């Protein structure tokens, strides 16, 4: 078995949304924007933003 680890550094797009399933367990959805800035060959500033959707369950969903 292998484990993958991702570290995202970004800004929250909006407040986390927490809902509760029928069994009472929490589920929280959160989107973060991760941006990259650079200069192209002509010296113009460029920016690329990727949105990462995150889903948390149970106790971690309540903490988030």
PDB file of N, CA and C in Angstrom:
ATOM      1  N   UNK A   1       0.845  -1.178   0.000  1.00  0.00           N
ATOM      2  CA  UNK A   1       0.000   0.000   0.000  1.00  0.00           C
ATOM      3  C   UNK A   1       0.889   1.240   0.000  1.00  0.00           C
ATOM      4  N   UNK A   2       0.540   2.231  -0.797  1.00  0.00           N
ATOM      5  CA  UNK A   2       1.292   3.478  -0.823  1.00  0.00           C
ATOM      6  C   UNK A   2       0.407   4.626  -0.348  1.00  0.00           C
ATOM      7  N   UNK A   3       1.056   5.693   0.090  1.00  0.00           N
ATOM      8  CA  UNK A   3       0.338   6.865   0.575  1.00  0.00           C
ATOM      9  C   UNK A   3       0.778   8.058  -0.262  1.00  0.00           C
ATOM     10  N   UNK A   4      -0.190   8.807  -0.749  1.00  0.00           N
ATOM     11  CA  UNK A   4       0.102  10.038  -1.480  1.00  0.00           C
ATOM     12  C   UNK A   4      -0.122  11.215  -0.559  1.00  0.00           C
ATOM     13  N   UNK A   5       0.744  12.204  -0.649  1.00  0.00           N
ATOM     14  CA  UNK A   5       0.633  13.391   0.185  1.00  0.00           C
ATOM     15  C   UNK A   5       0.650  14.615  -0.712  1.00  0.00           C
ATOM     16  N   UNK A   6      -0.336  15.485  -0.549  1.00  0.00           N
ATOM     17  CA  UNK A   6      -0.413  16.731  -1.304  1.00  0.00           C
ATOM     18  C   UNK A   6      -0.466  17.891  -0.329  1.00  0.00           C
ATOM     19  N   UNK A   7       0.270  18.932  -0.641  1.00  0.00           N
ATOM     20  CA  UNK A   7       0.223  20.148   0.161  1.00  0.00           C
ATOM     21  C   UNK A   7      -0.236  21.269  -0.760  1.00  0.00           C
ATOM     22  N   UNK A   8      -1.380  21.858  -0.447  1.00  0.00           N
ATOM     23  CA  UNK A   8      -1.927  22.961  -1.223  1.00  0.00           C
ATOM     24  C   UNK A   8      -1.818  24.231  -0.403  1.00  0.00           C
ATOM     25  N   UNK A   9      -1.230  25.257  -0.987  1.00  0.00           N
ATOM     26  CA  UNK A   9      -1.163  26.556  -0.341  1.00  0.00           C
ATOM     27  C   UNK A   9      -1.956  27.505  -1.217  1.00  0.00           C
ATOM     28  N   UNK A  10      -3.033  28.055  -0.658  1.00  0.00           N
ATOM     29  CA  UNK A  10      -3.888  28.918  -1.452  1.00  0.00           C
ATOM     30  C   UNK A  10      -4.824  29.714  -0.574  1.00  0.00           C
ATOM     31  N   UNK A  11      -5.834  30.246  -1.201  1.00  0.00           N
ATOM     32  CA  UNK A  11      -6.824  31.068  -0.515  1.00  0.00           C
ATOM     33  C   UNK A  11      -8.199  30.442  -0.688  1.00  0.00           C
ATOM     34  N   UNK A  12      -8.971  30.505   0.395  1.00  0.00           N
ATOM     35  CA  UNK A  12     -10.337  29.979   0.337  1.00  0.00           C
ATOM     36  C   UNK A  12     -11.175  30.853  -0.585  1.00  0.00           C
ATOM     37  N   UNK A  13     -11.949  30.207  -1.456  1.00  0.00           N
ATOM     38  CA  UNK A  13     -12.798  30.941  -2.383  1.00  0.00           C
ATOM     39  C   UNK A  13     -14.033  31.501  -1.715  1.00  0.00           C
ATOM     40  N   UNK A  14     -14.518  30.806  -0.696  1.00  0.00           N
ATOM     41  CA  UNK A  14     -15.667  31.261   0.097  1.00  0.00           C
ATOM     42  C   UNK A  14     -15.661  30.454   1.392  1.00  0.00           C
ATOM     43  N   UNK A  15     -16.566  30.766   2.274  1.00  0.00           N
ATOM     44  CA  UNK A  15     -16.630  30.051   3.542  1.00  0.00           C
ATOM     45  C   UNK A  15     -16.938  28.567   3.317  1.00  0.00           C
ATOM     46  N   UNK A  16     -16.377  27.698   4.153  1.00  0.00           N
ATOM     47  CA  UNK A  16     -16.686  26.265   4.042  1.00  0.00           C
ATOM     48  C   UNK A  16     -18.189  26.019   4.239  1.00  0.00           C
ATOM     49  N   UNK A  17     -18.719  25.026   3.539  1.00  0.00           N
ATOM     50  CA  UNK A  17     -20.135  24.658   3.656  1.00  0.00           C
ATOM     51  C   UNK A  17     -20.228  23.304   4.334  1.00  0.00           C
ATOM     52  N   UNK A  18     -20.859  23.270   5.496  1.00  0.00           N
ATOM     53  CA  UNK A  18     -21.014  22.018   6.240  1.00  0.00           C
ATOM     54  C   UNK A  18     -22.456  21.555   6.169  1.00  0.00           C
ATOM     55  N   UNK A  19     -22.617  20.283   5.860  1.00  0.00           N
ATOM     56  CA  UNK A  19     -23.937  19.642   5.836  1.00  0.00           C
ATOM     57  C   UNK A  19     -23.838  18.373   6.655  1.00  0.00           C
ATOM     58  N   UNK A  20     -24.969  17.846   7.047  1.00  0.00           N
ATOM     59  CA  UNK A  20     -25.002  16.612   7.832  1.00  0.00           C
ATOM     60  C   UNK A  20     -25.765  15.536   7.074  1.00  0.00           C
ATOM     61  N   UNK A  21     -25.160  14.346   7.030  1.00  0.00           N
ATOM     62  CA  UNK A  21     -25.802  13.214   6.357  1.00  0.00           C
ATOM     63  C   UNK A  21     -26.927  12.679   7.248  1.00  0.00           C
ATOM     64  N   UNK A  22     -27.716  11.783   6.701  1.00  0.00           N
ATOM     65  CA  UNK A  22     -28.852  11.240   7.456  1.00  0.00           C
ATOM     66  C   UNK A  22     -28.414  10.492   8.717  1.00  0.00           C
ATOM     67  N   UNK A  23     -27.169   9.991   8.725  1.00  0.00           N
ATOM     68  CA  UNK A  23     -26.677   9.285   9.917  1.00  0.00           C
ATOM     69  C   UNK A  23     -26.065  10.252  10.936  1.00  0.00           C
ATOM     70  N   UNK A  24     -26.122  11.565  10.659  1.00  0.00           N
ATOM     71  CA  UNK A  24     -25.634  12.569  11.594  1.00  0.00           C
ATOM     72  C   UNK A  24     -24.183  12.968  11.417  1.00  0.00           C
ATOM     73  N   UNK A  25     -23.457  12.330  10.503  1.00  0.00           N
ATOM     74  CA  UNK A  25     -22.048  12.676  10.290  1.00  0.00           C
ATOM     75  C   UNK A  25     -21.922  13.916   9.407  1.00  0.00           C
ATOM     76  N   UNK A  26     -20.931  14.754   9.747  1.00  0.00           N
ATOM     77  CA  UNK A  26     -20.718  16.008   9.031  1.00  0.00           C
ATOM     78  C   UNK A  26     -19.921  15.787   7.750  1.00  0.00           C
ATOM     79  N   UNK A  27     -20.226  16.616   6.738  1.00  0.00           N
ATOM     80  CA  UNK A  27     -19.479  16.672   5.483  1.00  0.00           C
ATOM     81  C   UNK A  27     -19.278  18.154   5.168  1.00  0.00           C
ATOM     82  N   UNK A  28     -18.024  18.563   4.976  1.00  0.00           N
ATOM     83  CA  UNK A  28     -17.719  19.965   4.680  1.00  0.00           C
ATOM     84  C   UNK A  28     -17.030  20.065   3.333  1.00  0.00           C
ATOM     85  N   UNK A  29     -17.501  20.992   2.509  1.00  0.00           N
ATOM     86  CA  UNK A  29     -16.909  21.270   1.200  1.00  0.00           C
ATOM     87  C   UNK A  29     -16.219  22.622   1.249  1.00  0.00           C
ATOM     88  N   UNK A  30     -15.044  22.692   0.629  1.00  0.00           N
ATOM     89  CA  UNK A  30     -14.257  23.918   0.602  1.00  0.00           C
ATOM     90  C   UNK A  30     -13.482  23.954  -0.704  1.00  0.00           C
ATOM     91  N   UNK A  31     -13.436  25.121  -1.345  1.00  0.00           N
ATOM     92  CA  UNK A  31     -12.631  25.308  -2.555  1.00  0.00           C
ATOM     93  C   UNK A  31     -11.528  26.300  -2.247  1.00  0.00           C
ATOM     94  N   UNK A  32     -10.308  25.970  -2.691  1.00  0.00           N
ATOM     95  CA  UNK A  32      -9.202  26.905  -2.536  1.00  0.00           C
ATOM     96  C   UNK A  32      -8.595  27.214  -3.895  1.00  0.00           C
ATOM     97  N   UNK A  33      -8.105  28.453  -4.030  1.00  0.00           N
ATOM     98  CA  UNK A  33      -7.462  28.898  -5.262  1.00  0.00           C
ATOM     99  C   UNK A  33      -5.958  28.867  -5.058  1.00  0.00           C
ATOM    100  N   UNK A  34      -5.264  28.139  -5.913  1.00  0.00           N
ATOM    101  CA  UNK A  34      -3.804  28.078  -5.890  1.00  0.00           C
ATOM    102  C   UNK A  34      -3.307  28.789  -7.146  1.00  0.00           C
ATOM    103  N   UNK A  35      -2.549  29.862  -6.944  1.00  0.00           N
ATOM    104  CA  UNK A  35      -2.099  30.687  -8.070  1.00  0.00           C
ATOM    105  C   UNK A  35      -0.602  30.584  -8.282  1.00  0.00           C
ATOM    106  N   UNK A  36      -0.220  30.770  -9.538  1.00  0.00           N
ATOM    107  CA  UNK A  36       1.185  30.773  -9.929  1.00  0.00           C
ATOM    108  C   UNK A  36       1.421  32.025 -10.766  1.00  0.00           C
ATOM    109  N   UNK A  37       2.479  32.767 -10.455  1.00  0.00           N
ATOM    110  CA  UNK A  37       2.820  33.982 -11.193  1.00  0.00           C
ATOM    111  C   UNK A  37       4.183  33.822 -11.845  1.00  0.00           C
ATOM    112  N   UNK A  38       4.337  34.354 -13.068  1.00  0.00           N
ATOM    113  CA  UNK A  38       5.613  34.311 -13.755  1.00  0.00           C
ATOM    114  C   UNK A  38       5.625  35.380 -14.846  1.00  0.00           C
ATOM    115  N   UNK A  39       6.796  35.605 -15.420  1.00  0.00           N
ATOM    116  CA  UNK A  39       6.922  36.515 -16.556  1.00  0.00           C
ATOM    117  C   UNK A  39       7.182  35.681 -17.804  1.00  0.00           C
ATOM    118  N   UNK A  40       6.484  36.011 -18.884  1.00  0.00           N
ATOM    119  CA  UNK A  40       6.688  35.285 -20.137  1.00  0.00           C
ATOM    120  C   UNK A  40       7.954  35.802 -20.846  1.00  0.00           C
ATOM    121  N   UNK A  41       8.210  35.269 -22.024  1.00  0.00           N
ATOM    122  CA  UNK A  41       9.432  35.626 -22.766  1.00  0.00           C
ATOM    123  C   UNK A  41       9.502  37.112 -23.122  1.00  0.00           C
ATOM    124  N   UNK A  42       8.344  37.755 -23.237  1.00  0.00           N
ATOM    125  CA  UNK A  42       8.302  39.182 -23.556  1.00  0.00           C
ATOM    126  C   UNK A  42       8.385  40.050 -22.296  1.00  0.00           C
ATOM    127  N   UNK A  43       8.445  39.432 -21.121  1.00  0.00           N
ATOM    128  CA  UNK A  43       8.534  40.182 -19.868  1.00  0.00           C
ATOM    129  C   UNK A  43       7.194  40.572 -19.280  1.00  0.00           C
ATOM    130  N   UNK A  44       6.093  40.068 -19.860  1.00  0.00           N
ATOM    131  CA  UNK A  44       4.755  40.368 -19.347  1.00  0.00           C
ATOM    132  C   UNK A  44       4.419  39.450 -18.180  1.00  0.00           C
ATOM    133  N   UNK A  45       3.787  40.024 -17.150  1.00  0.00           N
ATOM    134  CA  UNK A  45       3.379  39.211 -16.008  1.00  0.00           C
ATOM    135  C   UNK A  45       2.231  38.286 -16.422  1.00  0.00           C
ATOM    136  N   UNK A  46       2.317  37.049 -16.011  1.00  0.00           N
ATOM    137  CA  UNK A  46       1.281  36.047 -16.277  1.00  0.00           C
ATOM    138  C   UNK A  46       0.837  35.454 -14.941  1.00  0.00           C
ATOM    139  N   UNK A  47      -0.403  35.005 -14.898  1.00  0.00           N
ATOM    140  CA  UNK A  47      -0.909  34.350 -13.698  1.00  0.00           C
ATOM    141  C   UNK A  47      -1.844  33.214 -14.101  1.00  0.00           C
ATOM    142  N   UNK A  48      -1.708  32.098 -13.405  1.00  0.00           N
ATOM    143  CA  UNK A  48      -2.581  30.947 -13.639  1.00  0.00           C
ATOM    144  C   UNK A  48      -3.144  30.535 -12.287  1.00  0.00           C
ATOM    145  N   UNK A  49      -4.455  30.366 -12.210  1.00  0.00           N
ATOM    146  CA  UNK A  49      -5.108  29.961 -10.969  1.00  0.00           C
ATOM    147  C   UNK A  49      -5.820  28.635 -11.191  1.00  0.00           C
ATOM    148  N   UNK A  50      -5.590  27.704 -10.295  1.00  0.00           N
ATOM    149  CA  UNK A  50      -6.302  26.429 -10.315  1.00  0.00           C
ATOM    150  C   UNK A  50      -7.141  26.329  -9.052  1.00  0.00           C
ATOM    151  N   UNK A  51      -8.377  25.880  -9.203  1.00  0.00           N
ATOM    152  CA  UNK A  51      -9.275  25.706  -8.066  1.00  0.00           C
ATOM    153  C   UNK A  51      -9.247  24.249  -7.635  1.00  0.00           C
ATOM    154  N   UNK A  52      -9.038  24.037  -6.355  1.00  0.00           N
ATOM    155  CA  UNK A  52      -8.986  22.703  -5.776  1.00  0.00           C
ATOM    156  C   UNK A  52     -10.211  22.530  -4.891  1.00  0.00           C
ATOM    157  N   UNK A  53     -11.018  21.513  -5.176  1.00  0.00           N
ATOM    158  CA  UNK A  53     -12.201  21.212  -4.364  1.00  0.00           C
ATOM    159  C   UNK A  53     -11.830  20.176  -3.306  1.00  0.00           C
ATOM    160  N   UNK A  54     -12.115  20.496  -2.052  1.00  0.00           N
ATOM    161  CA  UNK A  54     -11.795  19.617  -0.932  1.00  0.00           C
ATOM    162  C   UNK A  54     -13.075  19.180  -0.240  1.00  0.00           C
ATOM    163  N   UNK A  55     -13.102  17.924   0.217  1.00  0.00           N
ATOM    164  CA  UNK A  55     -14.243  17.393   0.964  1.00  0.00           C
ATOM    165  C   UNK A  55     -13.708  16.751   2.237  1.00  0.00           C
ATOM    166  N   UNK A  56     -14.273  17.135   3.371  1.00  0.00           N
ATOM    167  CA  UNK A  56     -13.875  16.604   4.670  1.00  0.00           C
ATOM    168  C   UNK A  56     -15.057  15.873   5.288  1.00  0.00           C
ATOM    169  N   UNK A  57     -14.770  14.800   6.024  1.00  0.00           N
ATOM    170  CA  UNK A  57     -15.813  13.990   6.635  1.00  0.00           C
ATOM    171  C   UNK A  57     -15.640  13.888   8.145  1.00  0.00           C
ATOM    172  N   UNK A  58     -16.733  13.613   8.808  1.00  0.00           N
ATOM    173  CA  UNK A  58     -16.810  13.315  10.234  1.00  0.00           C
ATOM    174  C   UNK A  58     -16.212  14.435  11.088  1.00  0.00           C
ATOM    175  N   UNK A  59     -15.331  14.094  12.026  1.00  0.00           N
ATOM    176  CA  UNK A  59     -14.797  15.062  12.988  1.00  0.00           C
ATOM    177  C   UNK A  59     -13.998  16.165  12.294  1.00  0.00           C
ATOM    178  N   UNK A  60     -13.203  15.810  11.295  1.00  0.00           N
ATOM    179  CA  UNK A  60     -12.417  16.803  10.573  1.00  0.00           C
ATOM    180  C   UNK A  60     -13.335  17.802   9.872  1.00  0.00           C
ATOM    181  N   UNK A  61     -14.475  17.343   9.383  1.00  0.00           N
ATOM    182  CA  UNK A  61     -15.452  18.248   8.738  1.00  0.00           C
ATOM    183  C   UNK A  61     -15.966  19.276   9.737  1.00  0.00           C
ATOM    184  N   UNK A  62     -16.135  18.895  10.983  1.00  0.00           N
ATOM    185  CA  UNK A  62     -16.618  19.833  12.005  1.00  0.00           C
ATOM    186  C   UNK A  62     -15.517  20.825  12.373  1.00  0.00           C
ATOM    187  N   UNK A  63     -14.270  20.396  12.348  1.00  0.00           N
ATOM    188  CA  UNK A  63     -13.151  21.275  12.705  1.00  0.00           C
ATOM    189  C   UNK A  63     -12.930  22.333  11.617  1.00  0.00           C
ATOM    190  N   UNK A  64     -13.002  21.903  10.373  1.00  0.00           N
ATOM    191  CA  UNK A  64     -12.777  22.818   9.249  1.00  0.00           C
ATOM    192  C   UNK A  64     -13.814  23.913   9.270  1.00  0.00           C
TER     193      UNK A  64
END
